[in-house]
Amino acid sequence: MCVGFDAEVGVAALGPDGALAAMPPGSCLVVSTVSSQTMRALAVHAPDGVDVVDRPAIGGESAAVEGRCWCSQAAQRGASRTWR
C-alpha cells in the first residue's frame, strides 16, 4: 500500500472493511510513505499471524520513473526475514 498521507492508510487498512480485516494469517501488509506512529498503529491492529512491513520507496516519483528508486525495510521481529 503506497499512499500520500497517513490518514489514507487508516481509511484503507483499518476498520471492518479495511485491508487488515480481510487478510488471512500468513499474509503481509507492506506499507510505504507513512510515519512510524502510523506503522505502530497498524502493527497493533493487525490480526494474529499478519505481518506489517514498512517499506518506503526512496527517491521520489522521478527516481521511480527513471528506475533509480530504492527501498528500505523495517518490520516487527521476525517479519523482515520472512518478507525479504
N, C-alpha and C. Protein backbone atom coordinates (compact mmCIF):
# COMPACT_ATOMS: atom_id res chain seq x y z
N MET A 1 0.84 -1.14 0.00
CA MET A 1 0.00 0.00 0.00
C MET A 1 0.90 1.22 0.00
N CYS A 2 0.79 2.04 -1.01
CA CYS A 2 1.58 3.26 -1.09
C CYS A 2 0.61 4.43 -1.18
N VAL A 3 0.67 5.29 -0.19
CA VAL A 3 -0.25 6.41 -0.10
C VAL A 3 0.54 7.70 0.09
N GLY A 4 -0.16 8.81 -0.05
CA GLY A 4 0.50 10.10 0.13
C GLY A 4 0.45 10.61 1.56
N PHE A 5 -0.55 10.18 2.32
CA PHE A 5 -0.74 10.72 3.67
C PHE A 5 -1.15 9.62 4.64
N ASP A 6 -0.75 9.77 5.89
CA ASP A 6 -1.05 8.78 6.92
C ASP A 6 -2.55 8.51 7.06
N ALA A 7 -3.37 9.54 6.97
CA ALA A 7 -4.82 9.37 7.12
C ALA A 7 -5.38 8.41 6.08
N GLU A 8 -4.79 8.38 4.90
CA GLU A 8 -5.25 7.47 3.85
C GLU A 8 -5.02 6.01 4.23
N VAL A 9 -3.98 5.74 4.99
CA VAL A 9 -3.72 4.37 5.45
C VAL A 9 -4.84 3.93 6.38
N GLY A 10 -5.23 4.82 7.29
CA GLY A 10 -6.30 4.49 8.22
C GLY A 10 -7.57 4.11 7.49
N VAL A 11 -7.90 4.86 6.47
CA VAL A 11 -9.12 4.59 5.70
C VAL A 11 -9.00 3.25 4.97
N ALA A 12 -7.84 3.00 4.37
CA ALA A 12 -7.67 1.81 3.54
C ALA A 12 -7.36 0.54 4.33
N ALA A 13 -6.71 0.66 5.48
CA ALA A 13 -6.24 -0.53 6.18
C ALA A 13 -7.01 -0.89 7.43
N LEU A 14 -7.58 0.09 8.11
CA LEU A 14 -8.21 -0.18 9.40
C LEU A 14 -9.73 -0.24 9.28
N GLY A 15 -10.37 -0.73 10.31
CA GLY A 15 -11.83 -0.81 10.34
C GLY A 15 -12.34 -2.12 9.75
N PRO A 16 -13.64 -2.34 9.87
CA PRO A 16 -14.21 -3.62 9.45
C PRO A 16 -14.10 -3.89 7.95
N ASP A 17 -13.99 -2.86 7.14
CA ASP A 17 -13.86 -3.04 5.70
C ASP A 17 -12.44 -2.78 5.20
N GLY A 18 -11.49 -2.61 6.13
CA GLY A 18 -10.11 -2.32 5.76
C GLY A 18 -9.34 -3.55 5.33
N ALA A 19 -8.20 -3.30 4.74
CA ALA A 19 -7.35 -4.38 4.22
C ALA A 19 -6.97 -5.37 5.32
N LEU A 20 -6.62 -4.88 6.50
CA LEU A 20 -6.20 -5.80 7.57
C LEU A 20 -7.30 -6.79 7.95
N ALA A 21 -8.53 -6.34 7.96
CA ALA A 21 -9.64 -7.22 8.33
C ALA A 21 -9.82 -8.37 7.35
N ALA A 22 -9.38 -8.18 6.12
CA ALA A 22 -9.57 -9.20 5.09
C ALA A 22 -8.36 -10.12 4.93
N MET A 23 -7.28 -9.85 5.65
CA MET A 23 -6.04 -10.60 5.44
C MET A 23 -6.00 -11.85 6.31
N PRO A 24 -5.73 -13.01 5.71
CA PRO A 24 -5.64 -14.25 6.49
C PRO A 24 -4.27 -14.37 7.17
N PRO A 25 -4.18 -15.19 8.20
CA PRO A 25 -2.88 -15.46 8.81
C PRO A 25 -1.88 -15.93 7.75
N GLY A 26 -0.65 -15.48 7.91
CA GLY A 26 0.40 -15.83 6.96
C GLY A 26 0.58 -14.80 5.88
N SER A 27 -0.23 -13.75 5.89
CA SER A 27 -0.09 -12.70 4.87
C SER A 27 0.65 -11.50 5.44
N CYS A 28 0.94 -10.55 4.57
CA CYS A 28 1.75 -9.40 4.94
C CYS A 28 1.20 -8.14 4.29
N LEU A 29 1.04 -7.08 5.09
CA LEU A 29 0.68 -5.77 4.57
C LEU A 29 1.96 -4.96 4.47
N VAL A 30 2.33 -4.58 3.26
CA VAL A 30 3.51 -3.76 3.03
C VAL A 30 3.03 -2.33 2.80
N VAL A 31 3.56 -1.42 3.58
CA VAL A 31 3.12 -0.03 3.54
C VAL A 31 4.31 0.87 3.26
N SER A 32 4.07 1.92 2.49
CA SER A 32 5.13 2.86 2.15
C SER A 32 4.65 4.29 2.40
N THR A 33 5.58 5.15 2.78
CA THR A 33 5.36 6.59 2.87
C THR A 33 4.44 6.99 4.02
N VAL A 34 4.62 6.40 5.19
CA VAL A 34 3.86 6.82 6.37
C VAL A 34 4.80 6.95 7.57
N SER A 35 4.30 7.58 8.63
CA SER A 35 5.10 7.81 9.82
C SER A 35 5.28 6.54 10.65
N SER A 36 6.25 6.59 11.54
CA SER A 36 6.48 5.44 12.42
C SER A 36 5.30 5.24 13.37
N GLN A 37 4.62 6.31 13.77
CA GLN A 37 3.45 6.18 14.62
C GLN A 37 2.33 5.42 13.91
N THR A 38 2.14 5.71 12.64
CA THR A 38 1.12 5.01 11.86
C THR A 38 1.48 3.54 11.70
N MET A 39 2.75 3.25 11.47
CA MET A 39 3.18 1.86 11.35
C MET A 39 2.94 1.09 12.64
N ARG A 40 3.22 1.72 13.78
CA ARG A 40 2.97 1.06 15.06
C ARG A 40 1.49 0.79 15.24
N ALA A 41 0.64 1.74 14.86
CA ALA A 41 -0.81 1.54 14.98
C ALA A 41 -1.28 0.39 14.10
N LEU A 42 -0.74 0.29 12.90
CA LEU A 42 -1.10 -0.82 12.01
C LEU A 42 -0.68 -2.15 12.62
N ALA A 43 0.52 -2.20 13.17
CA ALA A 43 1.00 -3.44 13.77
C ALA A 43 0.13 -3.85 14.95
N VAL A 44 -0.32 -2.89 15.74
CA VAL A 44 -1.19 -3.18 16.88
C VAL A 44 -2.53 -3.74 16.42
N HIS A 45 -3.06 -3.22 15.31
CA HIS A 45 -4.38 -3.63 14.82
C HIS A 45 -4.33 -4.83 13.87
N ALA A 46 -3.14 -5.27 13.51
CA ALA A 46 -3.04 -6.42 12.60
C ALA A 46 -3.52 -7.69 13.31
N PRO A 47 -4.32 -8.51 12.62
CA PRO A 47 -4.75 -9.78 13.21
C PRO A 47 -3.56 -10.69 13.50
N ASP A 48 -3.74 -11.64 14.40
CA ASP A 48 -2.69 -12.61 14.69
C ASP A 48 -2.26 -13.29 13.40
N GLY A 49 -0.95 -13.39 13.21
CA GLY A 49 -0.43 -14.06 12.04
C GLY A 49 -0.28 -13.19 10.81
N VAL A 50 -0.66 -11.92 10.89
CA VAL A 50 -0.49 -10.99 9.77
C VAL A 50 0.65 -10.04 10.11
N ASP A 51 1.66 -10.00 9.26
CA ASP A 51 2.80 -9.11 9.45
C ASP A 51 2.53 -7.77 8.79
N VAL A 52 3.13 -6.72 9.37
CA VAL A 52 3.07 -5.38 8.80
C VAL A 52 4.51 -4.94 8.57
N VAL A 53 4.83 -4.58 7.33
CA VAL A 53 6.19 -4.21 6.95
C VAL A 53 6.18 -2.79 6.40
N ASP A 54 7.09 -1.96 6.91
CA ASP A 54 7.29 -0.60 6.41
C ASP A 54 8.39 -0.66 5.35
N ARG A 55 8.03 -0.33 4.13
CA ARG A 55 9.00 -0.42 3.03
C ARG A 55 8.91 0.85 2.19
N PRO A 56 9.45 1.96 2.69
CA PRO A 56 9.36 3.21 1.95
C PRO A 56 10.21 3.20 0.68
N ALA A 57 9.62 3.77 -0.35
CA ALA A 57 10.36 3.99 -1.59
C ALA A 57 11.10 5.32 -1.45
N ILE A 58 12.37 5.33 -1.77
CA ILE A 58 13.21 6.50 -1.55
C ILE A 58 13.68 7.03 -2.90
N GLY A 59 13.51 8.32 -3.09
CA GLY A 59 13.97 8.96 -4.32
C GLY A 59 12.88 9.72 -5.04
N GLY A 60 11.65 9.51 -4.67
CA GLY A 60 10.56 10.26 -5.28
C GLY A 60 10.08 9.69 -6.60
N GLU A 61 9.07 10.33 -7.13
CA GLU A 61 8.45 9.85 -8.36
C GLU A 61 9.41 9.83 -9.54
N SER A 62 10.21 10.87 -9.69
CA SER A 62 11.13 10.91 -10.84
C SER A 62 12.14 9.76 -10.79
N ALA A 63 12.63 9.45 -9.60
CA ALA A 63 13.57 8.33 -9.47
C ALA A 63 12.89 7.01 -9.82
N ALA A 64 11.63 6.85 -9.42
CA ALA A 64 10.91 5.62 -9.74
C ALA A 64 10.71 5.49 -11.24
N VAL A 65 10.34 6.57 -11.88
CA VAL A 65 10.12 6.56 -13.33
C VAL A 65 11.42 6.23 -14.07
N GLU A 66 12.53 6.74 -13.56
CA GLU A 66 13.83 6.53 -14.19
C GLU A 66 14.53 5.24 -13.75
N GLY A 67 13.90 4.47 -12.87
CA GLY A 67 14.49 3.22 -12.40
C GLY A 67 15.61 3.42 -11.40
N ARG A 68 15.65 4.57 -10.73
CA ARG A 68 16.71 4.85 -9.76
C ARG A 68 16.20 4.76 -8.33
N CYS A 69 14.97 4.39 -8.13
CA CYS A 69 14.36 4.35 -6.80
C CYS A 69 14.87 3.13 -6.03
N TRP A 70 15.03 3.27 -4.73
CA TRP A 70 15.39 2.13 -3.91
C TRP A 70 14.52 2.11 -2.66
N CYS A 71 14.49 0.98 -2.00
CA CYS A 71 13.62 0.80 -0.84
C CYS A 71 14.42 0.35 0.37
N SER A 72 13.96 0.76 1.53
CA SER A 72 14.47 0.23 2.79
C SER A 72 13.35 -0.59 3.41
N GLN A 73 13.60 -1.22 4.53
CA GLN A 73 12.55 -2.04 5.14
C GLN A 73 12.70 -2.08 6.65
N ALA A 74 11.57 -2.00 7.32
CA ALA A 74 11.51 -2.19 8.77
C ALA A 74 10.26 -3.00 9.08
N ALA A 75 10.36 -3.89 10.05
CA ALA A 75 9.21 -4.73 10.39
C ALA A 75 9.34 -5.22 11.81
N GLN A 76 8.22 -5.76 12.33
CA GLN A 76 8.29 -6.32 13.65
C GLN A 76 9.20 -7.54 13.64
N ARG A 77 9.66 -7.93 14.80
CA ARG A 77 10.64 -9.01 14.93
C ARG A 77 10.22 -10.26 14.15
N GLY A 78 11.11 -10.77 13.35
CA GLY A 78 10.85 -11.99 12.59
C GLY A 78 10.28 -11.75 11.20
N ALA A 79 9.53 -10.67 11.02
CA ALA A 79 8.88 -10.44 9.74
C ALA A 79 9.86 -10.06 8.64
N SER A 80 10.92 -9.35 8.97
CA SER A 80 11.88 -8.92 7.94
C SER A 80 12.52 -10.10 7.24
N ARG A 81 12.81 -11.17 7.98
CA ARG A 81 13.40 -12.36 7.35
C ARG A 81 12.41 -13.05 6.43
N THR A 82 11.16 -13.09 6.85
CA THR A 82 10.13 -13.76 6.07
C THR A 82 9.83 -13.03 4.77
N TRP A 83 9.82 -11.70 4.81
CA TRP A 83 9.35 -10.91 3.68
C TRP A 83 10.46 -10.13 2.98
N ARG A 84 11.62 -10.70 2.84
CA ARG A 84 12.72 -10.03 2.12
C ARG A 84 12.41 -9.89 0.66
